[in-house]
Amino acid sequence: MKNLWIQKAGRVFKNVWFLWVLCLILNIITFSILYFKIRPEGQSLALKYNVLAGVLWYGKGQNLYLIPGIAAAISIINFVLFKKLRGSPEFYSMLCLFASLTAQLAALVSIIFLIKVN
């Protein structure tokens, strides 16, 4: 029973396209949350928040789009590296994939925390 589950998980992770689609969906969710919840149009908003010191940076609301934009750029670069490293040991290509997924999750969490501040 346990061996069957491991085999199914191995087949799923061989086809990693669903994780790349998950990265894309997380980026779209991050952009849409930012647009619909905060609506950073021109007012001054908190750009960086620290629990101990409070708001550290204020700036234009459009600068908040840099957070998911940088995460998207990291995902694009990692996707190109993933395609290039496909023939080499599988660890390197998977490392690119999970680094991209981690960047998307970090961007989503940071936007959620900035929503609470703004």
PDB file of N, CA and C in Angstrom:
ATOM      1  N   MET A   1       0.828  -1.196   0.000  1.00  0.00           N
ATOM      2  CA  MET A   1       0.000   0.000   0.000  1.00  0.00           C
ATOM      3  C   MET A   1       0.867   1.252   0.000  1.00  0.00           C
ATOM      4  N   LYS A   2       1.854   1.272   0.904  1.00  0.00           N
ATOM      5  CA  LYS A   2       2.719   2.436   0.995  1.00  0.00           C
ATOM      6  C   LYS A   2       3.568   2.569  -0.267  1.00  0.00           C
ATOM      7  N   ASN A   3       4.039   1.464  -0.792  1.00  0.00           N
ATOM      8  CA  ASN A   3       4.850   1.479  -1.999  1.00  0.00           C
ATOM      9  C   ASN A   3       4.047   2.000  -3.192  1.00  0.00           C
ATOM     10  N   LEU A   4       2.766   1.672  -3.259  1.00  0.00           N
ATOM     11  CA  LEU A   4       1.906   2.150  -4.331  1.00  0.00           C
ATOM     12  C   LEU A   4       1.757   3.663  -4.262  1.00  0.00           C
ATOM     13  N   TRP A   5       1.607   4.202  -3.056  1.00  0.00           N
ATOM     14  CA  TRP A   5       1.489   5.654  -2.887  1.00  0.00           C
ATOM     15  C   TRP A   5       2.771   6.353  -3.319  1.00  0.00           C
ATOM     16  N   ILE A   6       3.911   5.785  -2.996  1.00  0.00           N
ATOM     17  CA  ILE A   6       5.204   6.357  -3.388  1.00  0.00           C
ATOM     18  C   ILE A   6       5.353   6.343  -4.903  1.00  0.00           C
ATOM     19  N   GLN A   7       4.908   5.275  -5.543  1.00  0.00           N
ATOM     20  CA  GLN A   7       4.986   5.199  -7.008  1.00  0.00           C
ATOM     21  C   GLN A   7       4.091   6.254  -7.655  1.00  0.00           C
ATOM     22  N   LYS A   8       2.888   6.459  -7.117  1.00  0.00           N
ATOM     23  CA  LYS A   8       1.985   7.475  -7.658  1.00  0.00           C
ATOM     24  C   LYS A   8       2.576   8.864  -7.474  1.00  0.00           C
ATOM     25  N   ALA A   9       3.155   9.125  -6.315  1.00  0.00           N
ATOM     26  CA  ALA A   9       3.776  10.428  -6.069  1.00  0.00           C
ATOM     27  C   ALA A   9       4.963  10.637  -7.002  1.00  0.00           C
ATOM     28  N   GLY A  10       5.720   9.580  -7.264  1.00  0.00           N
ATOM     29  CA  GLY A  10       6.849   9.681  -8.190  1.00  0.00           C
ATOM     30  C   GLY A  10       6.395  10.012  -9.595  1.00  0.00           C
ATOM     31  N   ARG A  11       5.285   9.426 -10.038  1.00  0.00           N
ATOM     32  CA  ARG A  11       4.760   9.732 -11.374  1.00  0.00           C
ATOM     33  C   ARG A  11       4.255  11.162 -11.453  1.00  0.00           C
ATOM     34  N   VAL A  12       3.650  11.639 -10.386  1.00  0.00           N
ATOM     35  CA  VAL A  12       3.152  13.012 -10.384  1.00  0.00           C
ATOM     36  C   VAL A  12       4.308  13.989 -10.448  1.00  0.00           C
ATOM     37  N   PHE A  13       5.367  13.747  -9.703  1.00  0.00           N
ATOM     38  CA  PHE A  13       6.491  14.670  -9.711  1.00  0.00           C
ATOM     39  C   PHE A  13       7.358  14.538 -10.953  1.00  0.00           C
ATOM     40  N   LYS A  14       7.207  13.459 -11.710  1.00  0.00           N
ATOM     41  CA  LYS A  14       7.896  13.384 -13.004  1.00  0.00           C
ATOM     42  C   LYS A  14       7.294  14.395 -13.967  1.00  0.00           C
ATOM     43  N   ASN A  15       5.985  14.551 -13.897  1.00  0.00           N
ATOM     44  CA  ASN A  15       5.294  15.533 -14.726  1.00  0.00           C
ATOM     45  C   ASN A  15       5.076  16.773 -13.863  1.00  0.00           C
ATOM     46  N   VAL A  16       6.010  17.697 -13.915  1.00  0.00           N
ATOM     47  CA  VAL A  16       6.003  18.840 -13.011  1.00  0.00           C
ATOM     48  C   VAL A  16       5.289  20.065 -13.590  1.00  0.00           C
ATOM     49  N   TRP A  17       4.618  19.898 -14.673  1.00  0.00           N
ATOM     50  CA  TRP A  17       3.973  21.061 -15.277  1.00  0.00           C
ATOM     51  C   TRP A  17       2.891  21.642 -14.394  1.00  0.00           C
ATOM     52  N   PHE A  18       2.269  20.818 -13.570  1.00  0.00           N
ATOM     53  CA  PHE A  18       1.241  21.356 -12.693  1.00  0.00           C
ATOM     54  C   PHE A  18       1.838  22.317 -11.666  1.00  0.00           C
ATOM     55  N   LEU A  19       3.100  22.109 -11.284  1.00  0.00           N
ATOM     56  CA  LEU A  19       3.747  23.040 -10.359  1.00  0.00           C
ATOM     57  C   LEU A  19       4.066  24.366 -11.041  1.00  0.00           C
ATOM     58  N   TRP A  20       4.423  24.327 -12.328  1.00  0.00           N
ATOM     59  CA  TRP A  20       4.638  25.585 -13.048  1.00  0.00           C
ATOM     60  C   TRP A  20       3.314  26.334 -13.219  1.00  0.00           C
ATOM     61  N   VAL A  21       2.252  25.595 -13.464  1.00  0.00           N
ATOM     62  CA  VAL A  21       0.929  26.218 -13.554  1.00  0.00           C
ATOM     63  C   VAL A  21       0.525  26.789 -12.202  1.00  0.00           C
ATOM     64  N   LEU A  22       0.879  26.097 -11.127  1.00  0.00           N
ATOM     65  CA  LEU A  22       0.609  26.612  -9.785  1.00  0.00           C
ATOM     66  C   LEU A  22       1.356  27.912  -9.534  1.00  0.00           C
ATOM     67  N   CYS A  23       2.602  28.007 -10.008  1.00  0.00           N
ATOM     68  CA  CYS A  23       3.357  29.259  -9.887  1.00  0.00           C
ATOM     69  C   CYS A  23       2.654  30.390 -10.632  1.00  0.00           C
ATOM     70  N   LEU A  24       2.178  30.108 -11.824  1.00  0.00           N
ATOM     71  CA  LEU A  24       1.465  31.117 -12.608  1.00  0.00           C
ATOM     72  C   LEU A  24       0.177  31.534 -11.916  1.00  0.00           C
ATOM     73  N   ILE A  25      -0.561  30.587 -11.382  1.00  0.00           N
ATOM     74  CA  ILE A  25      -1.811  30.903 -10.692  1.00  0.00           C
ATOM     75  C   ILE A  25      -1.545  31.722  -9.437  1.00  0.00           C
ATOM     76  N   LEU A  26      -0.511  31.383  -8.681  1.00  0.00           N
ATOM     77  CA  LEU A  26      -0.160  32.162  -7.491  1.00  0.00           C
ATOM     78  C   LEU A  26       0.217  33.591  -7.847  1.00  0.00           C
ATOM     79  N   ASN A  27       0.911  33.774  -8.966  1.00  0.00           N
ATOM     80  CA  ASN A  27       1.277  35.122  -9.384  1.00  0.00           C
ATOM     81  C   ASN A  27       0.040  35.913  -9.793  1.00  0.00           C
ATOM     82  N   ILE A  28      -0.879  35.288 -10.492  1.00  0.00           N
ATOM     83  CA  ILE A  28      -2.113  35.971 -10.877  1.00  0.00           C
ATOM     84  C   ILE A  28      -2.934  36.324  -9.642  1.00  0.00           C
ATOM     85  N   ILE A  29      -2.994  35.420  -8.677  1.00  0.00           N
ATOM     86  CA  ILE A  29      -3.719  35.704  -7.433  1.00  0.00           C
ATOM     87  C   ILE A  29      -3.075  36.868  -6.690  1.00  0.00           C
ATOM     88  N   THR A  30      -1.748  36.907  -6.654  1.00  0.00           N
ATOM     89  CA  THR A  30      -1.049  37.986  -5.967  1.00  0.00           C
ATOM     90  C   THR A  30      -1.330  39.336  -6.629  1.00  0.00           C
ATOM     91  N   PHE A  31      -1.259  39.384  -7.960  1.00  0.00           N
ATOM     92  CA  PHE A  31      -1.572  40.623  -8.660  1.00  0.00           C
ATOM     93  C   PHE A  31      -3.024  41.037  -8.435  1.00  0.00           C
ATOM     94  N   SER A  32      -3.943  40.079  -8.486  1.00  0.00           N
ATOM     95  CA  SER A  32      -5.351  40.435  -8.347  1.00  0.00           C
ATOM     96  C   SER A  32      -5.690  40.868  -6.922  1.00  0.00           C
ATOM     97  N   ILE A  33      -5.109  40.218  -5.916  1.00  0.00           N
ATOM     98  CA  ILE A  33      -5.323  40.651  -4.537  1.00  0.00           C
ATOM     99  C   ILE A  33      -4.810  42.069  -4.353  1.00  0.00           C
ATOM    100  N   LEU A  34      -3.663  42.337  -4.904  1.00  0.00           N
ATOM    101  CA  LEU A  34      -3.083  43.666  -4.795  1.00  0.00           C
ATOM    102  C   LEU A  34      -3.974  44.704  -5.462  1.00  0.00           C
ATOM    103  N   TYR A  35      -4.490  44.384  -6.619  1.00  0.00           N
ATOM    104  CA  TYR A  35      -5.314  45.350  -7.355  1.00  0.00           C
ATOM    105  C   TYR A  35      -6.676  45.550  -6.695  1.00  0.00           C
ATOM    106  N   PHE A  36      -7.321  44.470  -6.284  1.00  0.00           N
ATOM    107  CA  PHE A  36      -8.683  44.600  -5.788  1.00  0.00           C
ATOM    108  C   PHE A  36      -8.774  44.968  -4.313  1.00  0.00           C
ATOM    109  N   LYS A  37      -7.800  44.596  -3.503  1.00  0.00           N
ATOM    110  CA  LYS A  37      -7.873  44.900  -2.070  1.00  0.00           C
ATOM    111  C   LYS A  37      -7.260  46.257  -1.723  1.00  0.00           C
ATOM    112  N   ILE A  38      -6.098  46.565  -2.271  1.00  0.00           N
ATOM    113  CA  ILE A  38      -5.403  47.795  -1.889  1.00  0.00           C
ATOM    114  C   ILE A  38      -5.712  48.931  -2.857  1.00  0.00           C
ATOM    115  N   ARG A  39      -5.850  48.625  -4.134  1.00  0.00           N
ATOM    116  CA  ARG A  39      -6.049  49.633  -5.191  1.00  0.00           C
ATOM    117  C   ARG A  39      -4.979  50.728  -5.116  1.00  0.00           C
ATOM    118  N   PRO A  40      -3.730  50.363  -5.369  1.00  0.00           N
ATOM    119  CA  PRO A  40      -2.638  51.344  -5.264  1.00  0.00           C
ATOM    120  C   PRO A  40      -2.604  52.264  -6.484  1.00  0.00           C
ATOM    121  N   GLU A  41      -3.340  53.359  -6.438  1.00  0.00           N
ATOM    122  CA  GLU A  41      -3.429  54.221  -7.609  1.00  0.00           C
ATOM    123  C   GLU A  41      -2.534  55.440  -7.536  1.00  0.00           C
ATOM    124  N   GLY A  42      -2.446  56.110  -6.450  1.00  0.00           N
ATOM    125  CA  GLY A  42      -1.602  57.283  -6.410  1.00  0.00           C
ATOM    126  C   GLY A  42      -1.280  57.722  -4.999  1.00  0.00           C
ATOM    127  N   GLN A  43      -2.010  57.195  -4.049  1.00  0.00           N
ATOM    128  CA  GLN A  43      -1.796  57.607  -2.677  1.00  0.00           C
ATOM    129  C   GLN A  43      -0.521  56.989  -2.111  1.00  0.00           C
ATOM    130  N   SER A  44      -0.084  57.527  -1.010  1.00  0.00           N
ATOM    131  CA  SER A  44       1.105  57.022  -0.344  1.00  0.00           C
ATOM    132  C   SER A  44       0.703  55.846   0.539  1.00  0.00           C
ATOM    133  N   LEU A  45       1.399  54.741   0.356  1.00  0.00           N
ATOM    134  CA  LEU A  45       1.104  53.517   1.107  1.00  0.00           C
ATOM    135  C   LEU A  45       2.365  52.985   1.759  1.00  0.00           C
ATOM    136  N   ALA A  46       2.172  52.091   2.719  1.00  0.00           N
ATOM    137  CA  ALA A  46       3.309  51.432   3.365  1.00  0.00           C
ATOM    138  C   ALA A  46       3.885  50.396   2.410  1.00  0.00           C
ATOM    139  N   LEU A  47       5.174  50.501   2.157  1.00  0.00           N
ATOM    140  CA  LEU A  47       5.844  49.562   1.256  1.00  0.00           C
ATOM    141  C   LEU A  47       6.618  48.489   2.004  1.00  0.00           C
ATOM    142  N   LYS A  48       7.082  48.814   3.203  1.00  0.00           N
ATOM    143  CA  LYS A  48       7.828  47.841   4.001  1.00  0.00           C
ATOM    144  C   LYS A  48       7.394  47.999   5.447  1.00  0.00           C
ATOM    145  N   TYR A  49       7.111  46.876   6.061  1.00  0.00           N
ATOM    146  CA  TYR A  49       6.622  46.872   7.429  1.00  0.00           C
ATOM    147  C   TYR A  49       7.453  45.904   8.254  1.00  0.00           C
ATOM    148  N   ASN A  50       7.804  46.337   9.450  1.00  0.00           N
ATOM    149  CA  ASN A  50       8.539  45.500  10.390  1.00  0.00           C
ATOM    150  C   ASN A  50       7.719  45.413  11.668  1.00  0.00           C
ATOM    151  N   VAL A  51       7.636  44.255  12.246  1.00  0.00           N
ATOM    152  CA  VAL A  51       6.816  44.068  13.443  1.00  0.00           C
ATOM    153  C   VAL A  51       7.357  44.896  14.604  1.00  0.00           C
ATOM    154  N   LEU A  52       8.659  44.993  14.730  1.00  0.00           N
ATOM    155  CA  LEU A  52       9.252  45.716  15.853  1.00  0.00           C
ATOM    156  C   LEU A  52       9.224  47.226  15.662  1.00  0.00           C
ATOM    157  N   ALA A  53       9.511  47.700  14.449  1.00  0.00           N
ATOM    158  CA  ALA A  53       9.635  49.136  14.223  1.00  0.00           C
ATOM    159  C   ALA A  53       8.411  49.754  13.562  1.00  0.00           C
ATOM    160  N   GLY A  54       7.498  48.956  13.060  1.00  0.00           N
ATOM    161  CA  GLY A  54       6.334  49.499  12.365  1.00  0.00           C
ATOM    162  C   GLY A  54       6.648  49.699  10.892  1.00  0.00           C
ATOM    163  N   VAL A  55       6.009  50.686  10.312  1.00  0.00           N
ATOM    164  CA  VAL A  55       6.207  50.955   8.888  1.00  0.00           C
ATOM    165  C   VAL A  55       7.566  51.622   8.694  1.00  0.00           C
ATOM    166  N   LEU A  56       8.371  51.044   7.801  1.00  0.00           N
ATOM    167  CA  LEU A  56       9.710  51.580   7.545  1.00  0.00           C
ATOM    168  C   LEU A  56       9.737  52.449   6.295  1.00  0.00           C
ATOM    169  N   TRP A  57       9.016  52.055   5.260  1.00  0.00           N
ATOM    170  CA  TRP A  57       9.022  52.800   4.004  1.00  0.00           C
ATOM    171  C   TRP A  57       7.611  53.135   3.587  1.00  0.00           C
ATOM    172  N   TYR A  58       7.425  54.397   3.243  1.00  0.00           N
ATOM    173  CA  TYR A  58       6.209  54.825   2.573  1.00  0.00           C
ATOM    174  C   TYR A  58       6.575  55.173   1.147  1.00  0.00           C
ATOM    175  N   GLY A  59       5.632  55.029   0.245  1.00  0.00           N
ATOM    176  CA  GLY A  59       5.907  55.380  -1.142  1.00  0.00           C
ATOM    177  C   GLY A  59       4.642  55.305  -1.973  1.00  0.00           C
ATOM    178  N   LYS A  60       4.822  55.501  -3.264  1.00  0.00           N
ATOM    179  CA  LYS A  60       3.683  55.436  -4.175  1.00  0.00           C
ATOM    180  C   LYS A  60       3.105  54.033  -4.169  1.00  0.00           C
ATOM    181  N   GLY A  61       1.805  53.957  -4.304  1.00  0.00           N
ATOM    182  CA  GLY A  61       1.144  52.672  -4.281  1.00  0.00           C
ATOM    183  C   GLY A  61       1.525  51.782  -5.447  1.00  0.00           C
ATOM    184  N   GLN A  62       1.882  52.389  -6.598  1.00  0.00           N
ATOM    185  CA  GLN A  62       2.260  51.591  -7.760  1.00  0.00           C
ATOM    186  C   GLN A  62       3.522  50.781  -7.496  1.00  0.00           C
ATOM    187  N   ASN A  63       4.333  51.204  -6.543  1.00  0.00           N
ATOM    188  CA  ASN A  63       5.552  50.456  -6.239  1.00  0.00           C
ATOM    189  C   ASN A  63       5.264  49.092  -5.600  1.00  0.00           C
ATOM    190  N   LEU A  64       4.039  48.897  -5.111  1.00  0.00           N
ATOM    191  CA  LEU A  64       3.686  47.588  -4.566  1.00  0.00           C
ATOM    192  C   LEU A  64       3.635  46.527  -5.649  1.00  0.00           C
ATOM    193  N   TYR A  65       3.433  46.935  -6.902  1.00  0.00           N
ATOM    194  CA  TYR A  65       3.416  45.972  -7.996  1.00  0.00           C
ATOM    195  C   TYR A  65       4.796  45.373  -8.261  1.00  0.00           C
ATOM    196  N   LEU A  66       5.836  45.952  -7.668  1.00  0.00           N
ATOM    197  CA  LEU A  66       7.174  45.385  -7.840  1.00  0.00           C
ATOM    198  C   LEU A  66       7.310  44.020  -7.156  1.00  0.00           C
ATOM    199  N   ILE A  67       6.576  43.815  -6.079  1.00  0.00           N
ATOM    200  CA  ILE A  67       6.700  42.548  -5.341  1.00  0.00           C
ATOM    201  C   ILE A  67       6.277  41.359  -6.204  1.00  0.00           C
ATOM    202  N   PRO A  68       5.052  41.343  -6.764  1.00  0.00           N
ATOM    203  CA  PRO A  68       4.725  40.209  -7.633  1.00  0.00           C
ATOM    204  C   PRO A  68       5.449  40.261  -8.973  1.00  0.00           C
ATOM    205  N   GLY A  69       5.881  41.451  -9.394  1.00  0.00           N
ATOM    206  CA  GLY A  69       6.642  41.556 -10.635  1.00  0.00           C
ATOM    207  C   GLY A  69       8.004  40.893 -10.526  1.00  0.00           C
ATOM    208  N   ILE A  70       8.669  41.107  -9.407  1.00  0.00           N
ATOM    209  CA  ILE A  70       9.969  40.464  -9.185  1.00  0.00           C
ATOM    210  C   ILE A  70       9.798  38.954  -9.038  1.00  0.00           C
ATOM    211  N   ALA A  71       8.726  38.536  -8.381  1.00  0.00           N
ATOM    212  CA  ALA A  71       8.467  37.095  -8.258  1.00  0.00           C
ATOM    213  C   ALA A  71       8.203  36.475  -9.633  1.00  0.00           C
ATOM    214  N   ALA A  72       7.501  37.201 -10.498  1.00  0.00           N
ATOM    215  CA  ALA A  72       7.267  36.702 -11.860  1.00  0.00           C
ATOM    216  C   ALA A  72       8.571  36.622 -12.643  1.00  0.00           C
ATOM    217  N   ALA A  73       9.450  37.614 -12.474  1.00  0.00           N
ATOM    218  CA  ALA A  73      10.744  37.593 -13.157  1.00  0.00           C
ATOM    219  C   ALA A  73      11.594  36.417 -12.680  1.00  0.00           C
ATOM    220  N   ILE A  74      11.569  36.149 -11.382  1.00  0.00           N
ATOM    221  CA  ILE A  74      12.301  35.004 -10.847  1.00  0.00           C
ATOM    222  C   ILE A  74      11.757  33.705 -11.431  1.00  0.00           C
ATOM    223  N   SER A  75      10.438  33.610 -11.558  1.00  0.00           N
ATOM    224  CA  SER A  75       9.834  32.404 -12.124  1.00  0.00           C
ATOM    225  C   SER A  75      10.200  32.228 -13.589  1.00  0.00           C
ATOM    226  N   ILE A  76      10.234  33.317 -14.344  1.00  0.00           N
ATOM    227  CA  ILE A  76      10.601  33.224 -15.761  1.00  0.00           C
ATOM    228  C   ILE A  76      12.051  32.777 -15.914  1.00  0.00           C
ATOM    229  N   ILE A  77      12.943  33.365 -15.125  1.00  0.00           N
ATOM    230  CA  ILE A  77      14.353  32.979 -15.183  1.00  0.00           C
ATOM    231  C   ILE A  77      14.526  31.516 -14.781  1.00  0.00           C
ATOM    232  N   ASN A  78      13.822  31.113 -13.734  1.00  0.00           N
ATOM    233  CA  ASN A  78      13.916  29.715 -13.295  1.00  0.00           C
ATOM    234  C   ASN A  78      13.312  28.760 -14.315  1.00  0.00           C
ATOM    235  N   PHE A  79      12.274  29.187 -15.027  1.00  0.00           N
ATOM    236  CA  PHE A  79      11.698  28.328 -16.057  1.00  0.00           C
ATOM    237  C   PHE A  79      12.685  28.121 -17.199  1.00  0.00           C
ATOM    238  N   VAL A  80      13.381  29.188 -17.585  1.00  0.00           N
ATOM    239  CA  VAL A  80      14.391  29.055 -18.642  1.00  0.00           C
ATOM    240  C   VAL A  80      15.517  28.127 -18.178  1.00  0.00           C
ATOM    241  N   LEU A  81      15.957  28.302 -16.932  1.00  0.00           N
ATOM    242  CA  LEU A  81      16.987  27.409 -16.398  1.00  0.00           C
ATOM    243  C   LEU A  81      16.487  25.973 -16.297  1.00  0.00           C
ATOM    244  N   PHE A  82      15.225  25.804 -15.947  1.00  0.00           N
ATOM    245  CA  PHE A  82      14.627  24.469 -15.868  1.00  0.00           C
ATOM    246  C   PHE A  82      14.674  23.775 -17.218  1.00  0.00           C
ATOM    247  N   LYS A  83      14.351  24.510 -18.274  1.00  0.00           N
ATOM    248  CA  LYS A  83      14.372  23.924 -19.615  1.00  0.00           C
ATOM    249  C   LYS A  83      15.801  23.588 -20.046  1.00  0.00           C
ATOM    250  N   LYS A  84      16.761  24.442 -19.690  1.00  0.00           N
ATOM    251  CA  LYS A  84      18.162  24.199 -20.054  1.00  0.00           C
ATOM    252  C   LYS A  84      18.751  23.018 -19.280  1.00  0.00           C
ATOM    253  N   LEU A  85      18.372  22.876 -18.019  1.00  0.00           N
ATOM    254  CA  LEU A  85      18.949  21.845 -17.156  1.00  0.00           C
ATOM    255  C   LEU A  85      18.167  20.544 -17.193  1.00  0.00           C
ATOM    256  N   ARG A  86      17.251  20.399 -18.096  1.00  0.00           N
ATOM    257  CA  ARG A  86      16.401  19.214 -18.148  1.00  0.00           C
ATOM    258  C   ARG A  86      17.212  17.933 -18.365  1.00  0.00           C
ATOM    259  N   GLY A  87      18.289  18.001 -19.122  1.00  0.00           N
ATOM    260  CA  GLY A  87      19.083  16.803 -19.399  1.00  0.00           C
ATOM    261  C   GLY A  87      20.072  16.466 -18.304  1.00  0.00           C
ATOM    262  N   SER A  88      20.421  17.421 -17.468  1.00  0.00           N
ATOM    263  CA  SER A  88      21.387  17.182 -16.400  1.00  0.00           C
ATOM    264  C   SER A  88      20.696  16.468 -15.230  1.00  0.00           C
ATOM    265  N   PRO A  89      21.409  16.242 -14.143  1.00  0.00           N
ATOM    266  CA  PRO A  89      20.757  15.583 -13.010  1.00  0.00           C
ATOM    267  C   PRO A  89      19.464  16.301 -12.597  1.00  0.00           C
ATOM    268  N   GLU A  90      18.485  15.506 -12.239  1.00  0.00           N
ATOM    269  CA  GLU A  90      17.146  16.034 -12.009  1.00  0.00           C
ATOM    270  C   GLU A  90      17.077  16.993 -10.822  1.00  0.00           C
ATOM    271  N   PHE A  91      18.028  16.924  -9.920  1.00  0.00           N
ATOM    272  CA  PHE A  91      18.019  17.781  -8.748  1.00  0.00           C
ATOM    273  C   PHE A  91      18.073  19.254  -9.138  1.00  0.00           C
ATOM    274  N   TYR A  92      18.892  19.612 -10.126  1.00  0.00           N
ATOM    275  CA  TYR A  92      19.052  21.014 -10.509  1.00  0.00           C
ATOM    276  C   TYR A  92      17.780  21.587 -11.118  1.00  0.00           C
ATOM    277  N   SER A  93      17.119  20.816 -11.951  1.00  0.00           N
ATOM    278  CA  SER A  93      15.890  21.309 -12.549  1.00  0.00           C
ATOM    279  C   SER A  93      14.784  21.434 -11.499  1.00  0.00           C
ATOM    280  N   MET A  94      14.721  20.491 -10.579  1.00  0.00           N
ATOM    281  CA  MET A  94      13.728  20.582  -9.505  1.00  0.00           C
ATOM    282  C   MET A  94      14.034  21.736  -8.556  1.00  0.00           C
ATOM    283  N   LEU A  95      15.305  22.029  -8.362  1.00  0.00           N
ATOM    284  CA  LEU A  95      15.680  23.155  -7.524  1.00  0.00           C
ATOM    285  C   LEU A  95      15.172  24.462  -8.123  1.00  0.00           C
ATOM    286  N   CYS A  96      15.261  24.600  -9.427  1.00  0.00           N
ATOM    287  CA  CYS A  96      14.720  25.789 -10.099  1.00  0.00           C
ATOM    288  C   CYS A  96      13.212  25.876  -9.897  1.00  0.00           C
ATOM    289  N   LEU A  97      12.544  24.764  -9.997  1.00  0.00           N
ATOM    290  CA  LEU A  97      11.097  24.749  -9.846  1.00  0.00           C
ATOM    291  C   LEU A  97      10.676  25.141  -8.434  1.00  0.00           C
ATOM    292  N   PHE A  98      11.289  24.559  -7.450  1.00  0.00           N
ATOM    293  CA  PHE A  98      10.880  24.847  -6.085  1.00  0.00           C
ATOM    294  C   PHE A  98      11.342  26.230  -5.624  1.00  0.00           C
ATOM    295  N   ALA A  99      12.418  26.756  -6.177  1.00  0.00           N
ATOM    296  CA  ALA A  99      12.809  28.134  -5.887  1.00  0.00           C
ATOM    297  C   ALA A  99      11.771  29.101  -6.448  1.00  0.00           C
ATOM    298  N   SER A 100      11.259  28.796  -7.613  1.00  0.00           N
ATOM    299  CA  SER A 100      10.221  29.621  -8.206  1.00  0.00           C
ATOM    300  C   SER A 100       8.938  29.563  -7.390  1.00  0.00           C
ATOM    301  N   LEU A 101       8.566  28.391  -6.956  1.00  0.00           N
ATOM    302  CA  LEU A 101       7.371  28.234  -6.136  1.00  0.00           C
ATOM    303  C   LEU A 101       7.513  28.961  -4.800  1.00  0.00           C
ATOM    304  N   THR A 102       8.700  28.906  -4.220  1.00  0.00           N
ATOM    305  CA  THR A 102       8.962  29.599  -2.960  1.00  0.00           C
ATOM    306  C   THR A 102       8.879  31.114  -3.143  1.00  0.00           C
ATOM    307  N   ALA A 103       9.395  31.621  -4.250  1.00  0.00           N
ATOM    308  CA  ALA A 103       9.322  33.065  -4.520  1.00  0.00           C
ATOM    309  C   ALA A 103       7.870  33.519  -4.668  1.00  0.00           C
ATOM    310  N   GLN A 104       7.057  32.712  -5.326  1.00  0.00           N
ATOM    311  CA  GLN A 104       5.641  33.068  -5.485  1.00  0.00           C
ATOM    312  C   GLN A 104       4.912  33.070  -4.146  1.00  0.00           C
ATOM    313  N   LEU A 105       5.191  32.076  -3.326  1.00  0.00           N
ATOM    314  CA  LEU A 105       4.556  32.025  -2.005  1.00  0.00           C
ATOM    315  C   LEU A 105       5.008  33.174  -1.116  1.00  0.00           C
ATOM    316  N   ALA A 106       6.283  33.530  -1.177  1.00  0.00           N
ATOM    317  CA  ALA A 106       6.786  34.652  -0.380  1.00  0.00           C
ATOM    318  C   ALA A 106       6.146  35.971  -0.829  1.00  0.00           C
ATOM    319  N   ALA A 107       5.966  36.143  -2.127  1.00  0.00           N
ATOM    320  CA  ALA A 107       5.311  37.354  -2.627  1.00  0.00           C
ATOM    321  C   ALA A 107       3.863  37.413  -2.171  1.00  0.00           C
ATOM    322  N   LEU A 108       3.168  36.291  -2.221  1.00  0.00           N
ATOM    323  CA  LEU A 108       1.777  36.261  -1.790  1.00  0.00           C
ATOM    324  C   LEU A 108       1.648  36.576  -0.304  1.00  0.00           C
ATOM    325  N   VAL A 109       2.504  35.997   0.508  1.00  0.00           N
ATOM    326  CA  VAL A 109       2.457  36.251   1.951  1.00  0.00           C
ATOM    327  C   VAL A 109       2.788  37.706   2.256  1.00  0.00           C
ATOM    328  N   SER A 110       3.773  38.264   1.575  1.00  0.00           N
ATOM    329  CA  SER A 110       4.129  39.662   1.840  1.00  0.00           C
ATOM    330  C   SER A 110       3.007  40.614   1.437  1.00  0.00           C
ATOM    331  N   ILE A 111       2.312  40.327   0.350  1.00  0.00           N
ATOM    332  CA  ILE A 111       1.183  41.165  -0.052  1.00  0.00           C
ATOM    333  C   ILE A 111       0.040  41.041   0.952  1.00  0.00           C
ATOM    334  N   ILE A 112      -0.191  39.835   1.454  1.00  0.00           N
ATOM    335  CA  ILE A 112      -1.260  39.661   2.449  1.00  0.00           C
ATOM    336  C   ILE A 112      -0.948  40.443   3.714  1.00  0.00           C
ATOM    337  N   PHE A 113       0.311  40.442   4.161  1.00  0.00           N
ATOM    338  CA  PHE A 113       0.668  41.215   5.337  1.00  0.00           C
ATOM    339  C   PHE A 113       0.586  42.726   5.075  1.00  0.00           C
ATOM    340  N   LEU A 114       0.940  43.154   3.880  1.00  0.00           N
ATOM    341  CA  LEU A 114       0.837  44.582   3.565  1.00  0.00           C
ATOM    342  C   LEU A 114      -0.613  45.024   3.432  1.00  0.00           C
ATOM    343  N   ILE A 115      -1.506  44.126   3.091  1.00  0.00           N
ATOM    344  CA  ILE A 115      -2.930  44.480   3.068  1.00  0.00           C
ATOM    345  C   ILE A 115      -3.391  44.818   4.478  1.00  0.00           C
ATOM    346  N   LYS A 116      -2.944  44.068   5.440  1.00  0.00           N
ATOM    347  CA  LYS A 116      -3.342  44.319   6.834  1.00  0.00           C
ATOM    348  C   LYS A 116      -2.804  45.648   7.347  1.00  0.00           C
ATOM    349  N   VAL A 117      -1.638  46.067   6.863  1.00  0.00           N
ATOM    350  CA  VAL A 117      -1.053  47.332   7.295  1.00  0.00           C
ATOM    351  C   VAL A 117      -1.742  48.517   6.611  1.00  0.00           C
ATOM    352  N   ASN A 118      -2.001  48.366   5.318  1.00  0.00           N
ATOM    353  CA  ASN A 118      -2.609  49.470   4.570  1.00  0.00           C
ATOM    354  C   ASN A 118      -4.102  49.380   4.761  1.00  0.00           C
TER     355      ASN A 118
END
